[in-house]
């Protein structure tokens, strides 16, 4: 799960870049440990519930996930995106 300062949906490009780097580092660690999958709510931090998901948030998350494509392929790791219940996030239920 993401820490409070990690959020693919954040309007601040610096926060998104920091989060992409964090996930890329996690992908590399998974591969180094011999794993082939990284799973979790890889989009927003737990408890992130500002209201209904917006189209802008959706697009920002897609862009961040797309940026991870090369590192995932290079390390042969699959990213498994976990939906959460409505009490944990508004983003993907």
PDB file of N, CA and C in Angstrom:
ATOM      1  N   UNK A   1       0.851  -1.184   0.000  1.00  0.00           N
ATOM      2  CA  UNK A   1       0.000   0.000   0.000  1.00  0.00           C
ATOM      3  C   UNK A   1       0.894   1.244   0.000  1.00  0.00           C
ATOM      4  N   UNK A   2       0.383   2.305  -0.564  1.00  0.00           N
ATOM      5  CA  UNK A   2       1.140   3.551  -0.636  1.00  0.00           C
ATOM      6  C   UNK A   2       1.097   4.301   0.688  1.00  0.00           C
ATOM      7  N   UNK A   3       2.189   4.989   0.973  1.00  0.00           N
ATOM      8  CA  UNK A   3       2.258   5.893   2.123  1.00  0.00           C
ATOM      9  C   UNK A   3       1.467   7.158   1.784  1.00  0.00           C
ATOM     10  N   UNK A   4       1.156   7.993   2.763  1.00  0.00           N
ATOM     11  CA  UNK A   4       0.379   9.202   2.496  1.00  0.00           C
ATOM     12  C   UNK A   4       0.982  10.139   1.446  1.00  0.00           C
ATOM     13  N   UNK A   5       2.306  10.102   1.275  1.00  0.00           N
ATOM     14  CA  UNK A   5       2.934  10.990   0.293  1.00  0.00           C
ATOM     15  C   UNK A   5       3.130  10.322  -1.076  1.00  0.00           C
ATOM     16  N   UNK A   6       2.509   9.176  -1.282  1.00  0.00           N
ATOM     17  CA  UNK A   6       2.601   8.452  -2.552  1.00  0.00           C
ATOM     18  C   UNK A   6       1.206   8.350  -3.153  1.00  0.00           C
ATOM     19  N   UNK A   7       1.054   8.868  -4.368  1.00  0.00           N
ATOM     20  CA  UNK A   7      -0.287   8.928  -4.936  1.00  0.00           C
ATOM     21  C   UNK A   7      -0.202   9.185  -6.439  1.00  0.00           C
ATOM     22  N   UNK A   8      -0.584   8.205  -7.238  1.00  0.00           N
ATOM     23  CA  UNK A   8      -0.604   8.381  -8.689  1.00  0.00           C
ATOM     24  C   UNK A   8      -1.657   9.388  -9.131  1.00  0.00           C
ATOM     25  N   UNK A   9      -2.687   9.612  -8.343  1.00  0.00           N
ATOM     26  CA  UNK A   9      -3.780  10.508  -8.717  1.00  0.00           C
ATOM     27  C   UNK A   9      -3.529  11.958  -8.306  1.00  0.00           C
ATOM     28  N   UNK A  10      -2.469  12.206  -7.581  1.00  0.00           N
ATOM     29  CA  UNK A  10      -2.194  13.551  -7.075  1.00  0.00           C
ATOM     30  C   UNK A  10      -1.989  14.546  -8.215  1.00  0.00           C
ATOM     31  N   UNK A  11      -2.533  15.746  -8.100  1.00  0.00           N
ATOM     32  CA  UNK A  11      -2.331  16.743  -9.157  1.00  0.00           C
ATOM     33  C   UNK A  11      -0.884  17.240  -9.265  1.00  0.00           C
ATOM     34  N   UNK A  12      -0.081  17.043  -8.235  1.00  0.00           N
ATOM     35  CA  UNK A  12       1.307  17.509  -8.238  1.00  0.00           C
ATOM     36  C   UNK A  12       2.195  16.508  -8.988  1.00  0.00           C
ATOM     37  N   UNK A  13       2.815  16.926 -10.092  1.00  0.00           N
ATOM     38  CA  UNK A  13       3.678  16.020 -10.863  1.00  0.00           C
ATOM     39  C   UNK A  13       4.845  15.458 -10.046  1.00  0.00           C
ATOM     40  N   UNK A  14       5.335  16.214  -9.070  1.00  0.00           N
ATOM     41  CA  UNK A  14       6.444  15.737  -8.240  1.00  0.00           C
ATOM     42  C   UNK A  14       6.015  14.552  -7.380  1.00  0.00           C
ATOM     43  N   UNK A  15       4.807  14.612  -6.842  1.00  0.00           N
ATOM     44  CA  UNK A  15       4.286  13.499  -6.038  1.00  0.00           C
ATOM     45  C   UNK A  15       4.137  12.261  -6.923  1.00  0.00           C
ATOM     46  N   UNK A  16       3.602  12.452  -8.114  1.00  0.00           N
ATOM     47  CA  UNK A  16       3.425  11.316  -9.019  1.00  0.00           C
ATOM     48  C   UNK A  16       4.777  10.723  -9.418  1.00  0.00           C
ATOM     49  N   UNK A  17       5.752  11.565  -9.727  1.00  0.00           N
ATOM     50  CA  UNK A  17       7.079  11.077 -10.114  1.00  0.00           C
ATOM     51  C   UNK A  17       7.727  10.296  -8.968  1.00  0.00           C
ATOM     52  N   UNK A  18       7.597  10.816  -7.756  1.00  0.00           N
ATOM     53  CA  UNK A  18       8.122  10.131  -6.568  1.00  0.00           C
ATOM     54  C   UNK A  18       7.464   8.758  -6.428  1.00  0.00           C
ATOM     55  N   UNK A  19       6.180   8.687  -6.684  1.00  0.00           N
ATOM     56  CA  UNK A  19       5.439   7.437  -6.533  1.00  0.00           C
ATOM     57  C   UNK A  19       5.823   6.447  -7.625  1.00  0.00           C
ATOM     58  N   UNK A  20       5.976   6.914  -8.850  1.00  0.00           N
ATOM     59  CA  UNK A  20       6.425   6.037  -9.941  1.00  0.00           C
ATOM     60  C   UNK A  20       7.795   5.453  -9.598  1.00  0.00           C
ATOM     61  N   UNK A  21       8.707   6.283  -9.094  1.00  0.00           N
ATOM     62  CA  UNK A  21      10.036   5.785  -8.730  1.00  0.00           C
ATOM     63  C   UNK A  21       9.946   4.752  -7.618  1.00  0.00           C
ATOM     64  N   UNK A  22       9.079   4.991  -6.649  1.00  0.00           N
ATOM     65  CA  UNK A  22       8.893   4.035  -5.552  1.00  0.00           C
ATOM     66  C   UNK A  22       8.445   2.681  -6.087  1.00  0.00           C
ATOM     67  N   UNK A  23       7.451   2.677  -6.971  1.00  0.00           N
ATOM     68  CA  UNK A  23       6.951   1.407  -7.505  1.00  0.00           C
ATOM     69  C   UNK A  23       8.021   0.745  -8.377  1.00  0.00           C
ATOM     70  N   UNK A  24       8.753   1.527  -9.153  1.00  0.00           N
ATOM     71  CA  UNK A  24       9.838   0.967  -9.959  1.00  0.00           C
ATOM     72  C   UNK A  24      10.876   0.292  -9.052  1.00  0.00           C
ATOM     73  N   UNK A  25      11.199   0.921  -7.937  1.00  0.00           N
ATOM     74  CA  UNK A  25      12.140   0.321  -6.983  1.00  0.00           C
ATOM     75  C   UNK A  25      11.565  -0.979  -6.398  1.00  0.00           C
ATOM     76  N   UNK A  26      10.272  -0.989  -6.135  1.00  0.00           N
ATOM     77  CA  UNK A  26       9.623  -2.202  -5.621  1.00  0.00           C
ATOM     78  C   UNK A  26       9.665  -3.320  -6.660  1.00  0.00           C
ATOM     79  N   UNK A  27       9.436  -2.973  -7.911  1.00  0.00           N
ATOM     80  CA  UNK A  27       9.492  -3.964  -9.000  1.00  0.00           C
ATOM     81  C   UNK A  27      10.882  -4.585  -9.055  1.00  0.00           C
ATOM     82  N   UNK A  28      11.905  -3.767  -8.978  1.00  0.00           N
ATOM     83  CA  UNK A  28      13.286  -4.271  -9.006  1.00  0.00           C
ATOM     84  C   UNK A  28      13.557  -5.177  -7.816  1.00  0.00           C
ATOM     85  N   UNK A  29      13.056  -4.808  -6.644  1.00  0.00           N
ATOM     86  CA  UNK A  29      13.249  -5.631  -5.447  1.00  0.00           C
ATOM     87  C   UNK A  29      12.535  -6.972  -5.580  1.00  0.00           C
ATOM     88  N   UNK A  30      11.332  -6.960  -6.151  1.00  0.00           N
ATOM     89  CA  UNK A  30      10.604  -8.211  -6.380  1.00  0.00           C
ATOM     90  C   UNK A  30      11.424  -9.132  -7.281  1.00  0.00           C
ATOM     91  N   UNK A  31      11.940  -8.577  -8.374  1.00  0.00           N
ATOM     92  CA  UNK A  31      12.733  -9.370  -9.313  1.00  0.00           C
ATOM     93  C   UNK A  31      14.004  -9.904  -8.655  1.00  0.00           C
ATOM     94  N   UNK A  32      14.678  -9.075  -7.883  1.00  0.00           N
ATOM     95  CA  UNK A  32      15.900  -9.504  -7.204  1.00  0.00           C
ATOM     96  C   UNK A  32      15.632 -10.636  -6.221  1.00  0.00           C
ATOM     97  N   UNK A  33      14.433 -10.644  -5.649  1.00  0.00           N
ATOM     98  CA  UNK A  33      14.056 -11.701  -4.705  1.00  0.00           C
ATOM     99  C   UNK A  33      13.526 -12.953  -5.412  1.00  0.00           C
ATOM    100  N   UNK A  34      13.474 -12.904  -6.748  1.00  0.00           N
ATOM    101  CA  UNK A  34      12.994 -14.055  -7.507  1.00  0.00           C
ATOM    102  C   UNK A  34      11.500 -14.067  -7.736  1.00  0.00           C
ATOM    103  N   UNK A  35      10.828 -12.985  -7.385  1.00  0.00           N
ATOM    104  CA  UNK A  35       9.380 -12.912  -7.563  1.00  0.00           C
ATOM    105  C   UNK A  35       9.002 -12.512  -8.973  1.00  0.00           C
ATOM    106  N   UNK A  36       7.736 -12.723  -9.284  1.00  0.00           N
ATOM    107  CA  UNK A  36       7.237 -12.384 -10.617  1.00  0.00           C
ATOM    108  C   UNK A  36       5.993 -11.512 -10.576  1.00  0.00           C
ATOM    109  N   UNK A  37       5.530 -11.145  -9.393  1.00  0.00           N
ATOM    110  CA  UNK A  37       4.316 -10.327  -9.292  1.00  0.00           C
ATOM    111  C   UNK A  37       4.435  -9.355  -8.126  1.00  0.00           C
ATOM    112  N   UNK A  38       3.870  -8.177  -8.330  1.00  0.00           N
ATOM    113  CA  UNK A  38       3.749  -7.157  -7.285  1.00  0.00           C
ATOM    114  C   UNK A  38       2.268  -6.807  -7.222  1.00  0.00           C
ATOM    115  N   UNK A  39       1.665  -6.962  -6.061  1.00  0.00           N
ATOM    116  CA  UNK A  39       0.224  -6.750  -5.938  1.00  0.00           C
ATOM    117  C   UNK A  39      -0.082  -5.748  -4.839  1.00  0.00           C
ATOM    118  N   UNK A  40      -1.213  -5.073  -5.010  1.00  0.00           N
ATOM    119  CA  UNK A  40      -1.677  -4.148  -3.991  1.00  0.00           C
ATOM    120  C   UNK A  40      -2.465  -3.020  -4.613  1.00  0.00           C
ATOM    121  N   UNK A  41      -2.935  -2.115  -3.779  1.00  0.00           N
ATOM    122  CA  UNK A  41      -3.676  -0.960  -4.282  1.00  0.00           C
ATOM    123  C   UNK A  41      -2.703   0.093  -4.799  1.00  0.00           C
ATOM    124  N   UNK A  42      -2.148  -0.151  -5.971  1.00  0.00           N
ATOM    125  CA  UNK A  42      -1.095   0.691  -6.526  1.00  0.00           C
ATOM    126  C   UNK A  42      -1.681   1.833  -7.346  1.00  0.00           C
ATOM    127  N   UNK A  43      -2.315   2.762  -6.647  1.00  0.00           N
ATOM    128  CA  UNK A  43      -2.875   3.956  -7.303  1.00  0.00           C
ATOM    129  C   UNK A  43      -2.958   5.119  -6.335  1.00  0.00           C
ATOM    130  N   UNK A  44      -3.530   4.939  -5.167  1.00  0.00           N
ATOM    131  CA  UNK A  44      -3.638   5.998  -4.162  1.00  0.00           C
ATOM    132  C   UNK A  44      -3.368   5.398  -2.778  1.00  0.00           C
ATOM    133  N   UNK A  45      -3.060   6.232  -1.786  1.00  0.00           N
ATOM    134  CA  UNK A  45      -2.864   5.693  -0.438  1.00  0.00           C
ATOM    135  C   UNK A  45      -4.191   5.250   0.184  1.00  0.00           C
ATOM    136  N   UNK A  46      -4.107   4.353   1.138  1.00  0.00           N
ATOM    137  CA  UNK A  46      -5.302   3.930   1.867  1.00  0.00           C
ATOM    138  C   UNK A  46      -5.911   5.137   2.566  1.00  0.00           C
ATOM    139  N   UNK A  47      -7.215   5.195   2.581  1.00  0.00           N
ATOM    140  CA  UNK A  47      -7.903   6.307   3.223  1.00  0.00           C
ATOM    141  C   UNK A  47      -8.073   7.523   2.345  1.00  0.00           C
ATOM    142  N   UNK A  48      -7.620   7.448   1.098  1.00  0.00           N
ATOM    143  CA  UNK A  48      -7.746   8.570   0.165  1.00  0.00           C
ATOM    144  C   UNK A  48      -9.171   8.568  -0.383  1.00  0.00           C
ATOM    145  N   UNK A  49     -10.022   9.445   0.180  1.00  0.00           N
ATOM    146  CA  UNK A  49     -11.439   9.457  -0.179  1.00  0.00           C
ATOM    147  C   UNK A  49     -11.972  10.881  -0.292  1.00  0.00           C
ATOM    148  N   UNK A  50     -11.467  11.671  -1.233  1.00  0.00           N
ATOM    149  CA  UNK A  50     -11.934  13.051  -1.302  1.00  0.00           C
ATOM    150  C   UNK A  50     -13.329  13.214  -1.907  1.00  0.00           C
ATOM    151  N   UNK A  51     -13.892  12.202  -2.460  1.00  0.00           N
ATOM    152  CA  UNK A  51     -15.205  12.280  -3.106  1.00  0.00           C
ATOM    153  C   UNK A  51     -15.256  11.276  -4.240  1.00  0.00           C
ATOM    154  N   UNK A  52     -16.006  11.582  -5.252  1.00  0.00           N
ATOM    155  CA  UNK A  52     -16.048  10.692  -6.421  1.00  0.00           C
ATOM    156  C   UNK A  52     -14.753  10.822  -7.209  1.00  0.00           C
ATOM    157  N   UNK A  53     -14.342   9.703  -7.811  1.00  0.00           N
ATOM    158  CA  UNK A  53     -13.152   9.735  -8.661  1.00  0.00           C
ATOM    159  C   UNK A  53     -13.421  10.642  -9.855  1.00  0.00           C
ATOM    160  N   UNK A  54     -12.444  11.466 -10.191  1.00  0.00           N
ATOM    161  CA  UNK A  54     -12.597  12.369 -11.327  1.00  0.00           C
ATOM    162  C   UNK A  54     -11.906  11.786 -12.559  1.00  0.00           C
ATOM    163  N   UNK A  55     -12.276  12.293 -13.714  1.00  0.00           N
ATOM    164  CA  UNK A  55     -11.623  11.882 -14.955  1.00  0.00           C
ATOM    165  C   UNK A  55     -10.143  12.247 -14.932  1.00  0.00           C
ATOM    166  N   UNK A  56      -9.815  13.395 -14.343  1.00  0.00           N
ATOM    167  CA  UNK A  56      -8.412  13.806 -14.256  1.00  0.00           C
ATOM    168  C   UNK A  56      -7.602  12.833 -13.398  1.00  0.00           C
ATOM    169  N   UNK A  57      -8.156  12.411 -12.275  1.00  0.00           N
ATOM    170  CA  UNK A  57      -7.471  11.431 -11.428  1.00  0.00           C
ATOM    171  C   UNK A  57      -7.241  10.134 -12.209  1.00  0.00           C
ATOM    172  N   UNK A  58      -8.268   9.680 -12.892  1.00  0.00           N
ATOM    173  CA  UNK A  58      -8.182   8.443 -13.664  1.00  0.00           C
ATOM    174  C   UNK A  58      -7.045   8.536 -14.697  1.00  0.00           C
ATOM    175  N   UNK A  59      -6.987   9.648 -15.418  1.00  0.00           N
ATOM    176  CA  UNK A  59      -5.957   9.832 -16.436  1.00  0.00           C
ATOM    177  C   UNK A  59      -4.559   9.897 -15.825  1.00  0.00           C
ATOM    178  N   UNK A  60      -4.432  10.555 -14.683  1.00  0.00           N
ATOM    179  CA  UNK A  60      -3.121  10.635 -14.033  1.00  0.00           C
ATOM    180  C   UNK A  60      -2.635   9.247 -13.612  1.00  0.00           C
ATOM    181  N   UNK A  61      -3.528   8.445 -13.076  1.00  0.00           N
ATOM    182  CA  UNK A  61      -3.151   7.092 -12.663  1.00  0.00           C
ATOM    183  C   UNK A  61      -2.752   6.260 -13.880  1.00  0.00           C
ATOM    184  N   UNK A  62      -3.521   6.340 -14.945  1.00  0.00           N
ATOM    185  CA  UNK A  62      -3.178   5.606 -16.170  1.00  0.00           C
ATOM    186  C   UNK A  62      -1.790   6.004 -16.657  1.00  0.00           C
ATOM    187  N   UNK A  63      -1.510   7.293 -16.691  1.00  0.00           N
ATOM    188  CA  UNK A  63      -0.205   7.768 -17.149  1.00  0.00           C
ATOM    189  C   UNK A  63       0.930   7.220 -16.277  1.00  0.00           C
ATOM    190  N   UNK A  64       0.716   7.189 -14.979  1.00  0.00           N
ATOM    191  CA  UNK A  64       1.749   6.652 -14.083  1.00  0.00           C
ATOM    192  C   UNK A  64       1.954   5.160 -14.318  1.00  0.00           C
ATOM    193  N   UNK A  65       0.882   4.432 -14.458  1.00  0.00           N
ATOM    194  CA  UNK A  65       1.003   2.994 -14.695  1.00  0.00           C
ATOM    195  C   UNK A  65       1.701   2.728 -16.024  1.00  0.00           C
ATOM    196  N   UNK A  66       1.400   3.519 -17.029  1.00  0.00           N
ATOM    197  CA  UNK A  66       2.060   3.353 -18.318  1.00  0.00           C
ATOM    198  C   UNK A  66       3.563   3.598 -18.218  1.00  0.00           C
ATOM    199  N   UNK A  67       3.966   4.531 -17.390  1.00  0.00           N
ATOM    200  CA  UNK A  67       5.396   4.814 -17.211  1.00  0.00           C
ATOM    201  C   UNK A  67       6.142   3.631 -16.611  1.00  0.00           C
ATOM    202  N   UNK A  68       5.422   2.743 -15.951  1.00  0.00           N
ATOM    203  CA  UNK A  68       6.049   1.574 -15.324  1.00  0.00           C
ATOM    204  C   UNK A  68       6.183   0.392 -16.282  1.00  0.00           C
ATOM    205  N   UNK A  69       5.608   0.492 -17.463  1.00  0.00           N
ATOM    206  CA  UNK A  69       5.599  -0.626 -18.403  1.00  0.00           C
ATOM    207  C   UNK A  69       6.983  -1.171 -18.723  1.00  0.00           C
ATOM    208  N   UNK A  70       7.924  -0.287 -19.013  1.00  0.00           N
ATOM    209  CA  UNK A  70       9.266  -0.741 -19.391  1.00  0.00           C
ATOM    210  C   UNK A  70       9.982  -1.448 -18.246  1.00  0.00           C
ATOM    211  N   UNK A  71       9.891  -0.907 -17.034  1.00  0.00           N
ATOM    212  CA  UNK A  71      10.583  -1.535 -15.900  1.00  0.00           C
ATOM    213  C   UNK A  71       9.925  -2.875 -15.553  1.00  0.00           C
ATOM    214  N   UNK A  72       8.619  -2.953 -15.679  1.00  0.00           N
ATOM    215  CA  UNK A  72       7.933  -4.225 -15.438  1.00  0.00           C
ATOM    216  C   UNK A  72       8.368  -5.271 -16.459  1.00  0.00           C
ATOM    217  N   UNK A  73       8.407  -4.897 -17.726  1.00  0.00           N
ATOM    218  CA  UNK A  73       8.807  -5.830 -18.782  1.00  0.00           C
ATOM    219  C   UNK A  73      10.275  -6.251 -18.618  1.00  0.00           C
ATOM    220  N   UNK A  74      11.121  -5.280 -18.321  1.00  0.00           N
ATOM    221  CA  UNK A  74      12.548  -5.580 -18.187  1.00  0.00           C
ATOM    222  C   UNK A  74      12.830  -6.559 -17.052  1.00  0.00           C
ATOM    223  N   UNK A  75      12.020  -6.503 -16.020  1.00  0.00           N
ATOM    224  CA  UNK A  75      12.233  -7.376 -14.859  1.00  0.00           C
ATOM    225  C   UNK A  75      11.268  -8.561 -14.827  1.00  0.00           C
ATOM    226  N   UNK A  76      10.441  -8.665 -15.856  1.00  0.00           N
ATOM    227  CA  UNK A  76       9.473  -9.766 -15.974  1.00  0.00           C
ATOM    228  C   UNK A  76       8.605  -9.893 -14.723  1.00  0.00           C
ATOM    229  N   UNK A  77       8.106  -8.744 -14.286  1.00  0.00           N
ATOM    230  CA  UNK A  77       7.219  -8.681 -13.121  1.00  0.00           C
ATOM    231  C   UNK A  77       5.851  -8.194 -13.590  1.00  0.00           C
ATOM    232  N   UNK A  78       4.816  -8.843 -13.098  1.00  0.00           N
ATOM    233  CA  UNK A  78       3.440  -8.444 -13.379  1.00  0.00           C
ATOM    234  C   UNK A  78       2.930  -7.585 -12.235  1.00  0.00           C
ATOM    235  N   UNK A  79       2.318  -6.454 -12.572  1.00  0.00           N
ATOM    236  CA  UNK A  79       1.707  -5.590 -11.563  1.00  0.00           C
ATOM    237  C   UNK A  79       0.233  -5.956 -11.448  1.00  0.00           C
ATOM    238  N   UNK A  80      -0.177  -6.386 -10.281  1.00  0.00           N
ATOM    239  CA  UNK A  80      -1.562  -6.776 -10.021  1.00  0.00           C
ATOM    240  C   UNK A  80      -2.225  -5.654  -9.218  1.00  0.00           C
ATOM    241  N   UNK A  81      -3.180  -4.980  -9.826  1.00  0.00           N
ATOM    242  CA  UNK A  81      -3.820  -3.825  -9.204  1.00  0.00           C
ATOM    243  C   UNK A  81      -5.024  -4.306  -8.394  1.00  0.00           C
ATOM    244  N   UNK A  82      -5.003  -4.029  -7.106  1.00  0.00           N
ATOM    245  CA  UNK A  82      -6.037  -4.501  -6.179  1.00  0.00           C
ATOM    246  C   UNK A  82      -7.098  -3.428  -5.930  1.00  0.00           C
ATOM    247  N   UNK A  83      -8.357  -3.716  -6.268  1.00  0.00           N
ATOM    248  CA  UNK A  83      -9.422  -2.796  -5.882  1.00  0.00           C
ATOM    249  C   UNK A  83      -9.661  -2.898  -4.369  1.00  0.00           C
ATOM    250  N   UNK A  84     -10.136  -1.821  -3.777  1.00  0.00           N
ATOM    251  CA  UNK A  84     -10.436  -1.806  -2.349  1.00  0.00           C
ATOM    252  C   UNK A  84     -11.906  -1.485  -2.130  1.00  0.00           C
ATOM    253  N   UNK A  85     -12.364  -1.689  -0.914  1.00  0.00           N
ATOM    254  CA  UNK A  85     -13.759  -1.360  -0.624  1.00  0.00           C
ATOM    255  C   UNK A  85     -13.916   0.154  -0.446  1.00  0.00           C
ATOM    256  N   UNK A  86     -15.135   0.599  -0.464  1.00  0.00           N
ATOM    257  CA  UNK A  86     -15.419   2.042  -0.445  1.00  0.00           C
ATOM    258  C   UNK A  86     -15.000   2.731   0.848  1.00  0.00           C
ATOM    259  N   UNK A  87     -14.716   1.958   1.884  1.00  0.00           N
ATOM    260  CA  UNK A  87     -14.290   2.549   3.147  1.00  0.00           C
ATOM    261  C   UNK A  87     -12.789   2.819   3.167  1.00  0.00           C
ATOM    262  N   UNK A  88     -12.059   2.264   2.187  1.00  0.00           N
ATOM    263  CA  UNK A  88     -10.612   2.442   2.132  1.00  0.00           C
ATOM    264  C   UNK A  88     -10.176   3.437   1.060  1.00  0.00           C
ATOM    265  N   UNK A  89     -10.953   3.561  -0.009  1.00  0.00           N
ATOM    266  CA  UNK A  89     -10.634   4.513  -1.074  1.00  0.00           C
ATOM    267  C   UNK A  89     -11.876   4.772  -1.925  1.00  0.00           C
ATOM    268  N   UNK A  90     -11.860   5.870  -2.604  1.00  0.00           N
ATOM    269  CA  UNK A  90     -12.929   6.161  -3.554  1.00  0.00           C
ATOM    270  C   UNK A  90     -12.487   5.802  -4.974  1.00  0.00           C
ATOM    271  N   UNK A  91     -11.200   5.487  -5.139  1.00  0.00           N
ATOM    272  CA  UNK A  91     -10.653   5.441  -6.490  1.00  0.00           C
ATOM    273  C   UNK A  91     -11.027   4.196  -7.282  1.00  0.00           C
ATOM    274  N   UNK A  92     -10.850   3.022  -6.719  1.00  0.00           N
ATOM    275  CA  UNK A  92     -11.131   1.783  -7.438  1.00  0.00           C
ATOM    276  C   UNK A  92     -11.747   0.784  -6.473  1.00  0.00           C
ATOM    277  N   UNK A  93     -13.047   0.531  -6.644  1.00  0.00           N
ATOM    278  CA  UNK A  93     -13.776  -0.360  -5.739  1.00  0.00           C
ATOM    279  C   UNK A  93     -14.241  -1.602  -6.506  1.00  0.00           C
TER     280      UNK A  93
END
